[in-house]
Amino acid sequence: MILTVTIRDDNGQSVGVLVLQPKAFASGSRGYFGTGKLQLEGKRYQGQVQLVEIGSKGAGVAESKAE
């Protein structure tokens, strides 16, 4: 599954969209991660979003040991 995150200003107007791809983090946790660039008031910004599944670090270790 791929997720999208919409960045909105205080008026609710969309100023950017980030696409989040599934990711296995170096820590062993699983989740989603995405980066992107957007422009606000003439200035360029780069941002990132990270979603980590709670409890996924231990689950990955337990699954590996069970095999």
N, C-alpha and C. Protein backbone atom coordinates (compact mmCIF):
# COMPACT_ATOMS: atom_id res chain seq x y z
N MET A 1 0.85 -1.17 0.00
CA MET A 1 0.00 0.00 0.00
C MET A 1 0.89 1.24 0.00
N ILE A 2 0.53 2.23 -0.76
CA ILE A 2 1.21 3.52 -0.80
C ILE A 2 0.27 4.56 -0.22
N LEU A 3 0.79 5.46 0.62
CA LEU A 3 -0.02 6.50 1.26
C LEU A 3 0.38 7.87 0.74
N THR A 4 -0.54 8.82 0.80
CA THR A 4 -0.22 10.21 0.48
C THR A 4 -0.59 11.08 1.67
N VAL A 5 0.24 12.10 1.91
CA VAL A 5 0.02 13.06 2.98
C VAL A 5 -0.11 14.43 2.34
N THR A 6 -1.20 15.12 2.64
CA THR A 6 -1.42 16.47 2.11
C THR A 6 -1.04 17.49 3.18
N ILE A 7 -0.17 18.43 2.82
CA ILE A 7 0.23 19.52 3.72
C ILE A 7 -0.68 20.70 3.41
N ARG A 8 -1.34 21.22 4.44
CA ARG A 8 -2.28 22.33 4.25
C ARG A 8 -1.88 23.53 5.10
N ASP A 9 -2.20 24.71 4.60
CA ASP A 9 -1.94 25.92 5.39
C ASP A 9 -3.10 26.14 6.36
N ASP A 10 -3.03 27.22 7.14
CA ASP A 10 -4.07 27.46 8.14
C ASP A 10 -5.43 27.81 7.56
N ASN A 11 -5.49 28.03 6.23
CA ASN A 11 -6.77 28.26 5.55
C ASN A 11 -7.32 26.98 4.93
N GLY A 12 -6.61 25.88 5.10
CA GLY A 12 -7.06 24.60 4.55
C GLY A 12 -6.65 24.37 3.11
N GLN A 13 -5.86 25.28 2.55
CA GLN A 13 -5.41 25.15 1.16
C GLN A 13 -4.22 24.19 1.11
N SER A 14 -4.25 23.28 0.15
CA SER A 14 -3.15 22.34 -0.03
C SER A 14 -1.93 23.07 -0.56
N VAL A 15 -0.78 22.86 0.09
CA VAL A 15 0.47 23.48 -0.36
C VAL A 15 1.48 22.44 -0.81
N GLY A 16 1.16 21.16 -0.59
CA GLY A 16 2.06 20.10 -1.03
C GLY A 16 1.53 18.73 -0.68
N VAL A 17 2.05 17.74 -1.38
CA VAL A 17 1.66 16.36 -1.14
C VAL A 17 2.93 15.51 -1.08
N LEU A 18 3.02 14.66 -0.07
CA LEU A 18 4.15 13.73 0.05
C LEU A 18 3.62 12.32 -0.14
N VAL A 19 4.37 11.50 -0.86
CA VAL A 19 4.01 10.10 -1.08
C VAL A 19 4.84 9.25 -0.12
N LEU A 20 4.16 8.38 0.62
CA LEU A 20 4.83 7.51 1.59
C LEU A 20 4.85 6.08 1.06
N GLN A 21 6.05 5.53 1.02
CA GLN A 21 6.26 4.16 0.57
C GLN A 21 6.48 3.26 1.79
N PRO A 22 6.12 1.98 1.71
CA PRO A 22 6.43 1.07 2.80
C PRO A 22 7.94 1.02 3.04
N LYS A 23 8.34 0.89 4.30
CA LYS A 23 9.78 0.89 4.62
C LYS A 23 10.06 -0.03 5.79
N ALA A 24 11.15 -0.77 5.69
CA ALA A 24 11.70 -1.53 6.82
C ALA A 24 12.86 -0.69 7.33
N PHE A 25 12.72 -0.11 8.51
CA PHE A 25 13.72 0.78 9.08
C PHE A 25 14.92 -0.02 9.59
N ALA A 26 16.07 0.63 9.67
CA ALA A 26 17.30 -0.01 10.14
C ALA A 26 17.14 -0.54 11.57
N SER A 27 16.24 0.04 12.33
CA SER A 27 16.01 -0.39 13.72
C SER A 27 15.29 -1.74 13.79
N GLY A 28 14.74 -2.17 12.65
CA GLY A 28 13.96 -3.40 12.63
C GLY A 28 12.46 -3.15 12.60
N SER A 29 12.05 -1.90 12.83
CA SER A 29 10.64 -1.55 12.79
C SER A 29 10.17 -1.44 11.34
N ARG A 30 8.85 -1.55 11.16
CA ARG A 30 8.24 -1.39 9.84
C ARG A 30 7.32 -0.17 9.85
N GLY A 31 7.10 0.38 8.66
CA GLY A 31 6.19 1.51 8.55
C GLY A 31 6.22 2.12 7.18
N TYR A 32 6.11 3.44 7.13
CA TYR A 32 6.07 4.20 5.87
C TYR A 32 6.98 5.41 5.99
N PHE A 33 7.54 5.83 4.86
CA PHE A 33 8.45 6.97 4.87
C PHE A 33 8.36 7.68 3.52
N GLY A 34 8.41 9.01 3.56
CA GLY A 34 8.41 9.78 2.33
C GLY A 34 9.05 11.14 2.53
N THR A 35 9.64 11.66 1.46
CA THR A 35 10.22 13.00 1.48
C THR A 35 9.70 13.77 0.28
N GLY A 36 9.79 15.08 0.37
CA GLY A 36 9.36 15.90 -0.76
C GLY A 36 9.74 17.35 -0.55
N LYS A 37 9.59 18.11 -1.62
CA LYS A 37 9.89 19.54 -1.59
C LYS A 37 8.61 20.30 -1.92
N LEU A 38 8.46 21.47 -1.28
CA LEU A 38 7.32 22.33 -1.57
C LEU A 38 7.72 23.78 -1.41
N GLN A 39 6.89 24.64 -1.95
CA GLN A 39 7.18 26.07 -1.91
C GLN A 39 6.12 26.78 -1.10
N LEU A 40 6.57 27.62 -0.16
CA LEU A 40 5.68 28.42 0.68
C LEU A 40 6.14 29.86 0.65
N GLU A 41 5.26 30.74 0.24
CA GLU A 41 5.55 32.17 0.20
C GLU A 41 6.87 32.47 -0.50
N GLY A 42 7.11 31.79 -1.62
CA GLY A 42 8.30 32.03 -2.42
C GLY A 42 9.57 31.35 -1.94
N LYS A 43 9.49 30.63 -0.83
CA LYS A 43 10.66 29.92 -0.30
C LYS A 43 10.45 28.42 -0.47
N ARG A 44 11.55 27.71 -0.79
CA ARG A 44 11.47 26.26 -0.97
C ARG A 44 11.84 25.54 0.31
N TYR A 45 11.09 24.49 0.59
CA TYR A 45 11.31 23.68 1.78
C TYR A 45 11.38 22.21 1.39
N GLN A 46 12.07 21.45 2.20
CA GLN A 46 12.11 20.01 2.04
C GLN A 46 11.60 19.42 3.35
N GLY A 47 10.74 18.40 3.23
CA GLY A 47 10.18 17.80 4.43
C GLY A 47 10.15 16.29 4.33
N GLN A 48 9.87 15.67 5.45
CA GLN A 48 9.75 14.22 5.47
C GLN A 48 8.68 13.81 6.47
N VAL A 49 8.08 12.66 6.20
CA VAL A 49 7.08 12.09 7.09
C VAL A 49 7.46 10.64 7.33
N GLN A 50 7.35 10.22 8.58
CA GLN A 50 7.69 8.85 8.96
C GLN A 50 6.55 8.32 9.82
N LEU A 51 6.02 7.18 9.45
CA LEU A 51 5.02 6.49 10.25
C LEU A 51 5.61 5.14 10.64
N VAL A 52 5.65 4.86 11.93
CA VAL A 52 6.23 3.60 12.41
C VAL A 52 5.13 2.79 13.08
N GLU A 53 4.99 1.54 12.65
CA GLU A 53 4.00 0.65 13.25
C GLU A 53 4.43 0.32 14.68
N ILE A 54 3.59 0.63 15.63
CA ILE A 54 3.89 0.37 17.03
C ILE A 54 3.99 -1.14 17.25
N GLY A 55 5.08 -1.56 17.87
CA GLY A 55 5.28 -2.97 18.16
C GLY A 55 5.87 -3.78 17.02
N SER A 56 6.15 -3.15 15.88
CA SER A 56 6.64 -3.91 14.72
C SER A 56 8.10 -4.33 14.88
N LYS A 57 8.87 -3.66 15.70
CA LYS A 57 10.27 -4.03 15.88
C LYS A 57 10.39 -5.41 16.52
N GLY A 58 9.66 -5.63 17.57
CA GLY A 58 9.66 -6.93 18.23
C GLY A 58 9.02 -8.01 17.37
N ALA A 59 8.00 -7.65 16.58
CA ALA A 59 7.30 -8.62 15.74
C ALA A 59 8.22 -9.17 14.67
N GLY A 60 9.05 -8.30 14.07
CA GLY A 60 9.97 -8.75 13.02
C GLY A 60 11.01 -9.71 13.58
N VAL A 61 11.49 -9.46 14.78
CA VAL A 61 12.48 -10.33 15.41
C VAL A 61 11.86 -11.67 15.74
N ALA A 62 10.65 -11.66 16.29
CA ALA A 62 9.98 -12.91 16.65
C ALA A 62 9.68 -13.75 15.41
N GLU A 63 9.27 -13.10 14.30
CA GLU A 63 8.99 -13.82 13.08
C GLU A 63 10.26 -14.47 12.52
N SER A 64 11.40 -13.77 12.58
CA SER A 64 12.66 -14.29 12.07
C SER A 64 13.09 -15.51 12.89
N LYS A 65 12.93 -15.46 14.20
CA LYS A 65 13.35 -16.57 15.06
C LYS A 65 12.46 -17.79 14.87
N ALA A 66 11.19 -17.57 14.50
CA ALA A 66 10.25 -18.68 14.33
C ALA A 66 10.56 -19.49 13.08
N GLU A 67 11.26 -18.89 12.12
CA GLU A 67 11.55 -19.59 10.84
C GLU A 67 12.67 -20.51 10.95
